[in-house]
Amino acid sequence: TLEPVGIGARDLRECLLLQLREQHLEHTLSYIIVDQHLDQLAE
């Protein structure tokens, strides 16, 4: 919960999800892609 947002994440996925939650974007396409399909996005 500390700043900067995303601090204390264990990996990139968790780091990005923390930042998306901070902006209340849990139901967006961006959130779903990071949560479930980050590897395909990287490619």
All heavy atoms as atom14 arrays in JSON, in Angstrom:
{
  "sequence": "TLEPVGIGARDLRECLLLQLREQHLEHTLSYIIVDQHLDQLAE",
  "atom14_mask": [
    [1, 1, 1, 1, 1, 1, 1, 0, 0, 0, 0, 0, 0, 0],
    [1, 1, 1, 1, 1, 1, 1, 1, 0, 0, 0, 0, 0, 0],
    [1, 1, 1, 1, 1, 1, 1, 1, 1, 0, 0, 0, 0, 0],
    [1, 1, 1, 1, 1, 1, 1, 0, 0, 0, 0, 0, 0, 0],
    [1, 1, 1, 1, 1, 1, 1, 0, 0, 0, 0, 0, 0, 0],
    [1, 1, 1, 1, 0, 0, 0, 0, 0, 0, 0, 0, 0, 0],
    [1, 1, 1, 1, 1, 1, 1, 1, 0, 0, 0, 0, 0, 0],
    [1, 1, 1, 1, 0, 0, 0, 0, 0, 0, 0, 0, 0, 0],
    [1, 1, 1, 1, 1, 0, 0, 0, 0, 0, 0, 0, 0, 0],
    [1, 1, 1, 1, 1, 1, 1, 1, 1, 1, 1, 0, 0, 0],
    [1, 1, 1, 1, 1, 1, 1, 1, 0, 0, 0, 0, 0, 0],
    [1, 1, 1, 1, 1, 1, 1, 1, 0, 0, 0, 0, 0, 0],
    [1, 1, 1, 1, 1, 1, 1, 1, 1, 1, 1, 0, 0, 0],
    [1, 1, 1, 1, 1, 1, 1, 1, 1, 0, 0, 0, 0, 0],
    [1, 1, 1, 1, 1, 1, 0, 0, 0, 0, 0, 0, 0, 0],
    [1, 1, 1, 1, 1, 1, 1, 1, 0, 0, 0, 0, 0, 0],
    [1, 1, 1, 1, 1, 1, 1, 1, 0, 0, 0, 0, 0, 0],
    [1, 1, 1, 1, 1, 1, 1, 1, 0, 0, 0, 0, 0, 0],
    [1, 1, 1, 1, 1, 1, 1, 1, 1, 0, 0, 0, 0, 0],
    [1, 1, 1, 1, 1, 1, 1, 1, 0, 0, 0, 0, 0, 0],
    [1, 1, 1, 1, 1, 1, 1, 1, 1, 1, 1, 0, 0, 0],
    [1, 1, 1, 1, 1, 1, 1, 1, 1, 0, 0, 0, 0, 0],
    [1, 1, 1, 1, 1, 1, 1, 1, 1, 0, 0, 0, 0, 0],
    [1, 1, 1, 1, 1, 1, 1, 1, 1, 1, 0, 0, 0, 0],
    [1, 1, 1, 1, 1, 1, 1, 1, 0, 0, 0, 0, 0, 0],
    [1, 1, 1, 1, 1, 1, 1, 1, 1, 0, 0, 0, 0, 0],
    [1, 1, 1, 1, 1, 1, 1, 1, 1, 1, 0, 0, 0, 0],
    [1, 1, 1, 1, 1, 1, 1, 0, 0, 0, 0, 0, 0, 0],
    [1, 1, 1, 1, 1, 1, 1, 1, 0, 0, 0, 0, 0, 0],
    [1, 1, 1, 1, 1, 1, 0, 0, 0, 0, 0, 0, 0, 0],
    [1, 1, 1, 1, 1, 1, 1, 1, 1, 1, 1, 1, 0, 0],
    [1, 1, 1, 1, 1, 1, 1, 1, 0, 0, 0, 0, 0, 0],
    [1, 1, 1, 1, 1, 1, 1, 1, 0, 0, 0, 0, 0, 0],
    [1, 1, 1, 1, 1, 1, 1, 0, 0, 0, 0, 0, 0, 0],
    [1, 1, 1, 1, 1, 1, 1, 1, 0, 0, 0, 0, 0, 0],
    [1, 1, 1, 1, 1, 1, 1, 1, 1, 0, 0, 0, 0, 0],
    [1, 1, 1, 1, 1, 1, 1, 1, 1, 1, 0, 0, 0, 0],
    [1, 1, 1, 1, 1, 1, 1, 1, 0, 0, 0, 0, 0, 0],
    [1, 1, 1, 1, 1, 1, 1, 1, 0, 0, 0, 0, 0, 0],
    [1, 1, 1, 1, 1, 1, 1, 1, 1, 0, 0, 0, 0, 0],
    [1, 1, 1, 1, 1, 1, 1, 1, 0, 0, 0, 0, 0, 0],
    [1, 1, 1, 1, 1, 0, 0, 0, 0, 0, 0, 0, 0, 0],
    [1, 1, 1, 1, 1, 1, 1, 1, 1, 0, 0, 0, 0, 0]
  ],
  "atom14_positions": [
    [[0.83, -1.21, 0.0], [0.0, 0.0, 0.0], [0.86, 1.26, 0.0], [0.35, 2.37, -0.16], [-0.92, 0.04, 1.24], [-0.11, 0.11, 2.42], [-1.82, -1.19, 1.29], [0.0, 0.0, 0.0], [0.0, 0.0, 0.0], [0.0, 0.0, 0.0], [0.0, 0.0, 0.0], [0.0, 0.0, 0.0], [0.0, 0.0, 0.0], [0.0, 0.0, 0.0]],
    [[2.18, 1.1, 0.18], [3.08, 2.25, 0.22], [3.33, 2.79, -1.18], [3.08, 2.11, -2.18], [4.41, 1.86, 0.89], [4.33, 1.31, 2.32], [5.71, 0.92, 2.8], [3.71, 2.35, 3.26], [0.0, 0.0, 0.0], [0.0, 0.0, 0.0], [0.0, 0.0, 0.0], [0.0, 0.0, 0.0], [0.0, 0.0, 0.0], [0.0, 0.0, 0.0]],
    [[3.81, 3.99, -1.23], [4.21, 4.58, -2.51], [5.71, 4.39, -2.71], [6.45, 4.31, -1.73], [3.87, 6.08, -2.52], [2.39, 6.36, -2.51], [2.09, 7.84, -2.58], [3.07, 8.65, -2.52], [0.92, 8.2, -2.69], [0.0, 0.0, 0.0], [0.0, 0.0, 0.0], [0.0, 0.0, 0.0], [0.0, 0.0, 0.0], [0.0, 0.0, 0.0]],
    [[6.19, 4.32, -3.96], [5.42, 4.4, -5.21], [4.56, 3.16, -5.45], [4.9, 2.07, -4.98], [6.51, 4.53, -6.27], [7.73, 3.94, -5.65], [7.65, 4.21, -4.19], [0.0, 0.0, 0.0], [0.0, 0.0, 0.0], [0.0, 0.0, 0.0], [0.0, 0.0, 0.0], [0.0, 0.0, 0.0], [0.0, 0.0, 0.0], [0.0, 0.0, 0.0]],
    [[3.47, 3.35, -6.16], [2.53, 2.25, -6.41], [3.22, 1.13, -7.18], [3.94, 1.38, -8.15], [1.31, 2.76, -7.21], [0.32, 1.62, -7.45], [0.64, 3.9, -6.47], [0.0, 0.0, 0.0], [0.0, 0.0, 0.0], [0.0, 0.0, 0.0], [0.0, 0.0, 0.0], [0.0, 0.0, 0.0], [0.0, 0.0, 0.0], [0.0, 0.0, 0.0]],
    [[3.02, -0.09, -6.71], [3.66, -1.25, -7.34], [4.81, -1.78, -6.51], [5.37, -2.84, -6.81], [0.0, 0.0, 0.0], [0.0, 0.0, 0.0], [0.0, 0.0, 0.0], [0.0, 0.0, 0.0], [0.0, 0.0, 0.0], [0.0, 0.0, 0.0], [0.0, 0.0, 0.0], [0.0, 0.0, 0.0], [0.0, 0.0, 0.0], [0.0, 0.0, 0.0]],
    [[5.15, -1.04, -5.45], [6.27, -1.45, -4.6], [5.94, -2.74, -3.85], [4.79, -2.99, -3.49], [6.62, -0.31, -3.59], [8.1, -0.35, -3.22], [5.75, -0.37, -2.36], [9.0, 0.16, -4.28], [0.0, 0.0, 0.0], [0.0, 0.0, 0.0], [0.0, 0.0, 0.0], [0.0, 0.0, 0.0], [0.0, 0.0, 0.0], [0.0, 0.0, 0.0]],
    [[6.93, -3.58, -3.66], [6.73, -4.81, -2.9], [6.17, -5.96, -3.7], [5.86, -7.02, -3.15], [0.0, 0.0, 0.0], [0.0, 0.0, 0.0], [0.0, 0.0, 0.0], [0.0, 0.0, 0.0], [0.0, 0.0, 0.0], [0.0, 0.0, 0.0], [0.0, 0.0, 0.0], [0.0, 0.0, 0.0], [0.0, 0.0, 0.0], [0.0, 0.0, 0.0]],
    [[6.04, -5.79, -5.02], [5.55, -6.88, -5.87], [6.61, -7.97, -5.97], [7.81, -7.71, -5.83], [5.22, -6.35, -7.26], [0.0, 0.0, 0.0], [0.0, 0.0, 0.0], [0.0, 0.0, 0.0], [0.0, 0.0, 0.0], [0.0, 0.0, 0.0], [0.0, 0.0, 0.0], [0.0, 0.0, 0.0], [0.0, 0.0, 0.0], [0.0, 0.0, 0.0]],
    [[6.15, -9.2, -6.19], [7.08, -10.32, -6.31], [7.51, -10.57, -7.75], [8.49, -11.25, -8.0], [6.46, -11.6, -5.72], [6.74, -11.88, -4.27], [5.9, -11.18, -3.25], [4.47, -11.09, -3.36], [3.58, -11.73, -2.58], [4.02, -12.55, -1.66], [2.29, -11.51, -2.69], [0.0, 0.0, 0.0], [0.0, 0.0, 0.0], [0.0, 0.0, 0.0]],
    [[6.75, -10.06, -8.7], [7.09, -10.21, -10.12], [6.43, -9.09, -10.91], [5.66, -8.28, -10.37], [6.69, -11.58, -10.66], [5.22, -11.91, -10.4], [4.39, -10.97, -10.46], [4.89, -13.07, -10.13], [0.0, 0.0, 0.0], [0.0, 0.0, 0.0], [0.0, 0.0, 0.0], [0.0, 0.0, 0.0], [0.0, 0.0, 0.0], [0.0, 0.0, 0.0]],
    [[6.69, -9.04, -12.21], [6.16, -7.98, -13.06], [4.64, -8.01, -13.1], [3.99, -6.96, -13.07], [6.73, -8.11, -14.48], [6.21, -7.1, -15.51], [6.56, -5.67, -15.11], [6.76, -7.42, -16.91], [0.0, 0.0, 0.0], [0.0, 0.0, 0.0], [0.0, 0.0, 0.0], [0.0, 0.0, 0.0], [0.0, 0.0, 0.0], [0.0, 0.0, 0.0]],
    [[4.08, -9.21, -13.18], [2.61, -9.32, -13.24], [1.97, -8.66, -12.03], [1.06, -7.83, -12.16], [2.23, -10.8, -13.31], [0.73, -11.06, -13.21], [0.43, -12.56, -13.26], [-0.95, -12.81, -12.87], [-1.36, -12.93, -11.61], [-0.46, -12.81, -10.61], [-2.63, -13.16, -11.33], [0.0, 0.0, 0.0], [0.0, 0.0, 0.0], [0.0, 0.0, 0.0]],
    [[2.45, -8.99, -10.83], [1.88, -8.43, -9.61], [2.11, -6.92, -9.55], [1.24, -6.16, -9.1], [2.49, -9.11, -8.38], [1.83, -8.68, -7.08], [2.36, -9.44, -5.87], [3.53, -9.89, -5.91], [1.61, -9.58, -4.88], [0.0, 0.0, 0.0], [0.0, 0.0, 0.0], [0.0, 0.0, 0.0], [0.0, 0.0, 0.0], [0.0, 0.0, 0.0]],
    [[3.26, -6.47, -10.02], [3.59, -5.04, -10.02], [2.6, -4.25, -10.87], [2.08, -3.21, -10.44], [5.01, -4.84, -10.54], [5.53, -3.12, -10.65], [0.0, 0.0, 0.0], [0.0, 0.0, 0.0], [0.0, 0.0, 0.0], [0.0, 0.0, 0.0], [0.0, 0.0, 0.0], [0.0, 0.0, 0.0], [0.0, 0.0, 0.0], [0.0, 0.0, 0.0]],
    [[2.29, -4.75, -12.08], [1.36, -4.06, -12.96], [-0.07, -4.13, -12.43], [-0.83, -3.16, -12.52], [1.43, -4.66, -14.37], [2.78, -4.53, -15.09], [2.72, -5.2, -16.45], [3.17, -3.07, -15.24], [0.0, 0.0, 0.0], [0.0, 0.0, 0.0], [0.0, 0.0, 0.0], [0.0, 0.0, 0.0], [0.0, 0.0, 0.0], [0.0, 0.0, 0.0]],
    [[-0.44, -5.28, -11.85], [-1.78, -5.42, -11.29], [-2.0, -4.45, -10.14], [-3.09, -3.88, -9.99], [-2.01, -6.86, -10.82], [-2.13, -7.93, -11.92], [-2.29, -9.31, -11.3], [-3.3, -7.62, -12.86], [0.0, 0.0, 0.0], [0.0, 0.0, 0.0], [0.0, 0.0, 0.0], [0.0, 0.0, 0.0], [0.0, 0.0, 0.0], [0.0, 0.0, 0.0]],
    [[-0.99, -4.26, -9.3], [-1.1, -3.3, -8.19], [-1.37, -1.89, -8.72], [-2.18, -1.14, -8.16], [0.18, -3.3, -7.36], [0.41, -4.51, -6.44], [1.84, -4.49, -5.91], [-0.59, -4.51, -5.28], [0.0, 0.0, 0.0], [0.0, 0.0, 0.0], [0.0, 0.0, 0.0], [0.0, 0.0, 0.0], [0.0, 0.0, 0.0], [0.0, 0.0, 0.0]],
    [[-0.71, -1.53, -9.81], [-0.9, -0.19, -10.38], [-2.27, -0.06, -11.03], [-2.9, 1.01, -10.97], [0.22, 0.09, -11.39], [1.59, 0.18, -10.74], [2.7, 0.37, -11.75], [2.75, 1.37, -12.46], [3.62, -0.58, -11.81], [0.0, 0.0, 0.0], [0.0, 0.0, 0.0], [0.0, 0.0, 0.0], [0.0, 0.0, 0.0], [0.0, 0.0, 0.0]],
    [[-2.76, -1.13, -11.64], [-4.08, -1.09, -12.26], [-5.18, -1.02, -11.19], [-6.18, -0.31, -11.36], [-4.28, -2.32, -13.15], [-3.43, -2.36, -14.43], [-3.47, -3.73, -15.07], [-3.9, -1.29, -15.41], [0.0, 0.0, 0.0], [0.0, 0.0, 0.0], [0.0, 0.0, 0.0], [0.0, 0.0, 0.0], [0.0, 0.0, 0.0], [0.0, 0.0, 0.0]],
    [[-4.98, -1.74, -10.08], [-5.97, -1.69, -8.99], [-6.02, -0.3, -8.38], [-7.09, 0.18, -7.99], [-5.6, -2.72, -7.91], [-5.86, -4.17, -8.31], [-5.37, -5.12, -7.24], [-5.25, -6.48, -7.74], [-4.31, -7.33, -7.36], [-3.4, -6.96, -6.45], [-4.27, -8.55, -7.86], [0.0, 0.0, 0.0], [0.0, 0.0, 0.0], [0.0, 0.0, 0.0]],
    [[-4.88, 0.33, -8.27], [-4.83, 1.68, -7.72], [-5.71, 2.64, -8.53], [-6.28, 3.59, -7.99], [-3.38, 2.18, -7.72], [-3.18, 3.61, -7.27], [-3.45, 3.82, -5.79], [-3.5, 2.83, -5.03], [-3.61, 5.0, -5.39], [0.0, 0.0, 0.0], [0.0, 0.0, 0.0], [0.0, 0.0, 0.0], [0.0, 0.0, 0.0], [0.0, 0.0, 0.0]],
    [[-5.81, 2.36, -9.83], [-6.63, 3.21, -10.71], [-8.04, 2.65, -10.92], [-8.79, 3.13, -11.77], [-5.93, 3.36, -12.08], [-4.55, 3.99, -11.99], [-3.88, 4.13, -13.35], [-4.46, 4.68, -14.29], [-2.65, 3.64, -13.46], [0.0, 0.0, 0.0], [0.0, 0.0, 0.0], [0.0, 0.0, 0.0], [0.0, 0.0, 0.0], [0.0, 0.0, 0.0]],
    [[-8.38, 1.6, -10.12], [-9.71, 0.95, -10.18], [-10.02, 0.44, -11.58], [-11.11, 0.65, -12.12], [-10.8, 1.94, -9.72], [-10.52, 2.56, -8.38], [-10.55, 1.83, -7.2], [-10.19, 3.82, -8.04], [-10.25, 2.63, -6.18], [-10.02, 3.85, -6.67], [0.0, 0.0, 0.0], [0.0, 0.0, 0.0], [0.0, 0.0, 0.0], [0.0, 0.0, 0.0]],
    [[-9.05, -0.24, -12.17], [-9.21, -0.76, -13.53], [-9.26, -2.29, -13.55], [-8.83, -2.92, -14.51], [-8.04, -0.26, -14.4], [-7.92, 1.26, -14.54], [-6.65, 1.63, -15.3], [-9.14, 1.84, -15.25], [0.0, 0.0, 0.0], [0.0, 0.0, 0.0], [0.0, 0.0, 0.0], [0.0, 0.0, 0.0], [0.0, 0.0, 0.0], [0.0, 0.0, 0.0]],
    [[-9.81, -2.86, -12.49], [-9.83, -4.33, -12.37], [-10.64, -5.03, -13.45], [-10.41, -6.21, -13.74], [-10.39, -4.74, -11.0], [-9.47, -4.4, -9.83], [-9.78, -3.04, -9.25], [-10.37, -2.19, -9.96], [-9.44, -2.81, -8.07], [0.0, 0.0, 0.0], [0.0, 0.0, 0.0], [0.0, 0.0, 0.0], [0.0, 0.0, 0.0], [0.0, 0.0, 0.0]],
    [[-11.6, -4.34, -14.07], [-12.49, -4.99, -15.03], [-12.17, -4.59, -16.48], [-12.99, -4.81, -17.37], [-13.95, -4.65, -14.7], [-14.36, -5.02, -13.31], [-14.44, -6.33, -12.89], [-14.66, -4.25, -12.23], [-14.78, -6.36, -11.61], [-14.92, -5.12, -11.18], [0.0, 0.0, 0.0], [0.0, 0.0, 0.0], [0.0, 0.0, 0.0], [0.0, 0.0, 0.0]],
    [[-11.01, -4.04, -16.68], [-10.63, -3.61, -18.03], [-9.88, -4.7, -18.78], [-9.39, -5.69, -18.18], [-9.74, -2.36, -17.97], [-8.54, -2.69, -17.26], [-10.45, -1.22, -17.27], [0.0, 0.0, 0.0], [0.0, 0.0, 0.0], [0.0, 0.0, 0.0], [0.0, 0.0, 0.0], [0.0, 0.0, 0.0], [0.0, 0.0, 0.0], [0.0, 0.0, 0.0]],
    [[-9.78, -4.53, -20.08], [-9.05, -5.48, -20.92], [-7.58, -5.52, -20.52], [-6.95, -6.59, -20.52], [-9.2, -5.09, -22.39], [-8.53, -5.99, -23.42], [-9.06, -7.42, -23.33], [-8.72, -5.43, -24.83], [0.0, 0.0, 0.0], [0.0, 0.0, 0.0], [0.0, 0.0, 0.0], [0.0, 0.0, 0.0], [0.0, 0.0, 0.0], [0.0, 0.0, 0.0]],
    [[-7.02, -4.37, -20.17], [-5.61, -4.3, -19.76], [-5.37, -5.19, -18.55], [-4.36, -5.92, -18.49], [-5.22, -2.85, -19.43], [-5.28, -2.05, -20.57], [0.0, 0.0, 0.0], [0.0, 0.0, 0.0], [0.0, 0.0, 0.0], [0.0, 0.0, 0.0], [0.0, 0.0, 0.0], [0.0, 0.0, 0.0], [0.0, 0.0, 0.0], [0.0, 0.0, 0.0]],
    [[-6.28, -5.14, -17.59], [-6.13, -5.94, -16.37], [-6.19, -7.44, -16.69], [-5.37, -8.23, -16.19], [-7.23, -5.57, -15.37], [-7.03, -6.16, -13.99], [-6.41, -5.43, -12.98], [-7.43, -7.47, -13.69], [-6.2, -5.96, -11.72], [-7.23, -8.02, -12.44], [-6.62, -7.26, -11.46], [-6.41, -7.81, -10.21], [0.0, 0.0, 0.0], [0.0, 0.0, 0.0]],
    [[-7.14, -7.82, -17.53], [-7.3, -9.24, -17.89], [-6.05, -9.76, -18.6], [-5.58, -10.86, -18.34], [-8.56, -9.43, -18.77], [-9.82, -9.09, -17.97], [-8.63, -10.86, -19.29], [-11.07, -9.01, -18.82], [0.0, 0.0, 0.0], [0.0, 0.0, 0.0], [0.0, 0.0, 0.0], [0.0, 0.0, 0.0], [0.0, 0.0, 0.0], [0.0, 0.0, 0.0]],
    [[-5.51, -8.93, -19.51], [-4.31, -9.34, -20.26], [-3.14, -9.56, -19.31], [-2.42, -10.56, -19.4], [-3.97, -8.3, -21.34], [-5.02, -8.31, -22.45], [-2.58, -8.57, -21.92], [-4.85, -7.21, -23.48], [0.0, 0.0, 0.0], [0.0, 0.0, 0.0], [0.0, 0.0, 0.0], [0.0, 0.0, 0.0], [0.0, 0.0, 0.0], [0.0, 0.0, 0.0]],
    [[-2.93, -8.62, -18.39], [-1.81, -8.76, -17.44], [-2.04, -9.95, -16.52], [-1.12, -10.73, -16.25], [-1.66, -7.47, -16.59], [-0.64, -7.68, -15.48], [-1.25, -6.3, -17.47], [0.0, 0.0, 0.0], [0.0, 0.0, 0.0], [0.0, 0.0, 0.0], [0.0, 0.0, 0.0], [0.0, 0.0, 0.0], [0.0, 0.0, 0.0], [0.0, 0.0, 0.0]],
    [[-3.26, -10.12, -16.06], [-3.57, -11.17, -15.1], [-3.45, -12.57, -15.69], [-2.96, -13.49, -15.03], [-4.98, -10.94, -14.56], [-5.3, -11.84, -13.36], [-4.36, -12.19, -12.62], [-6.47, -12.2, -13.18], [0.0, 0.0, 0.0], [0.0, 0.0, 0.0], [0.0, 0.0, 0.0], [0.0, 0.0, 0.0], [0.0, 0.0, 0.0], [0.0, 0.0, 0.0]],
    [[-3.83, -12.71, -16.96], [-3.93, -14.07, -17.52], [-3.05, -14.32, -18.75], [-2.79, -15.48, -19.07], [-5.4, -14.36, -17.9], [-6.37, -14.24, -16.73], [-7.81, -14.36, -17.15], [-8.13, -14.97, -18.18], [-8.72, -13.79, -16.38], [0.0, 0.0, 0.0], [0.0, 0.0, 0.0], [0.0, 0.0, 0.0], [0.0, 0.0, 0.0], [0.0, 0.0, 0.0]],
    [[-2.62, -13.27, -19.43], [-1.96, -13.5, -20.72], [-0.71, -12.63, -20.91], [-0.41, -12.21, -22.03], [-2.95, -13.22, -21.86], [-4.24, -13.96, -21.74], [-4.36, -15.32, -21.97], [-5.47, -13.51, -21.38], [-5.6, -15.68, -21.79], [-6.31, -14.61, -21.42], [0.0, 0.0, 0.0], [0.0, 0.0, 0.0], [0.0, 0.0, 0.0], [0.0, 0.0, 0.0]],
    [[0.02, -12.39, -19.86], [1.18, -11.5, -19.95], [2.26, -12.06, -20.88], [2.93, -11.3, -21.59], [1.76, -11.23, -18.56], [2.78, -10.09, -18.44], [2.17, -8.78, -18.93], [3.25, -9.94, -17.0], [0.0, 0.0, 0.0], [0.0, 0.0, 0.0], [0.0, 0.0, 0.0], [0.0, 0.0, 0.0], [0.0, 0.0, 0.0], [0.0, 0.0, 0.0]],
    [[2.44, -13.36, -20.88], [3.47, -13.97, -21.74], [3.18, -13.73, -23.22], [4.08, -13.42, -24.0], [3.57, -15.48, -21.47], [4.19, -15.78, -20.13], [4.82, -14.86, -19.55], [4.04, -16.91, -19.63], [0.0, 0.0, 0.0], [0.0, 0.0, 0.0], [0.0, 0.0, 0.0], [0.0, 0.0, 0.0], [0.0, 0.0, 0.0], [0.0, 0.0, 0.0]],
    [[1.89, -13.9, -23.6], [1.53, -13.67, -25.01], [1.7, -12.2, -25.39], [2.08, -11.87, -26.5], [0.08, -14.1, -25.27], [-0.06, -15.61, -25.4], [-0.94, -16.18, -24.31], [-0.86, -15.76, -23.16], [-1.76, -17.16, -24.68], [0.0, 0.0, 0.0], [0.0, 0.0, 0.0], [0.0, 0.0, 0.0], [0.0, 0.0, 0.0], [0.0, 0.0, 0.0]],
    [[1.41, -11.31, -24.42], [1.58, -9.88, -24.7], [3.06, -9.56, -24.92], [3.4, -8.78, -25.8], [1.04, -9.06, -23.53], [1.19, -7.54, -23.69], [0.37, -7.03, -24.86], [0.8, -6.82, -22.41], [0.0, 0.0, 0.0], [0.0, 0.0, 0.0], [0.0, 0.0, 0.0], [0.0, 0.0, 0.0], [0.0, 0.0, 0.0], [0.0, 0.0, 0.0]],
    [[3.93, -10.18, -24.12], [5.37, -9.95, -24.27], [5.86, -10.35, -25.65], [6.78, -9.75, -26.21], [6.13, -10.71, -23.19], [0.0, 0.0, 0.0], [0.0, 0.0, 0.0], [0.0, 0.0, 0.0], [0.0, 0.0, 0.0], [0.0, 0.0, 0.0], [0.0, 0.0, 0.0], [0.0, 0.0, 0.0], [0.0, 0.0, 0.0], [0.0, 0.0, 0.0]],
    [[5.24, -11.37, -26.23], [5.58, -11.83, -27.58], [4.8, -11.08, -28.65], [4.95, -11.37, -29.83], [5.3, -13.34, -27.7], [6.19, -14.21, -26.83], [7.64, -14.13, -27.22], [7.91, -14.11, -28.45], [8.5, -14.08, -26.33], [0.0, 0.0, 0.0], [0.0, 0.0, 0.0], [0.0, 0.0, 0.0], [0.0, 0.0, 0.0], [0.0, 0.0, 0.0]]
  ]
}
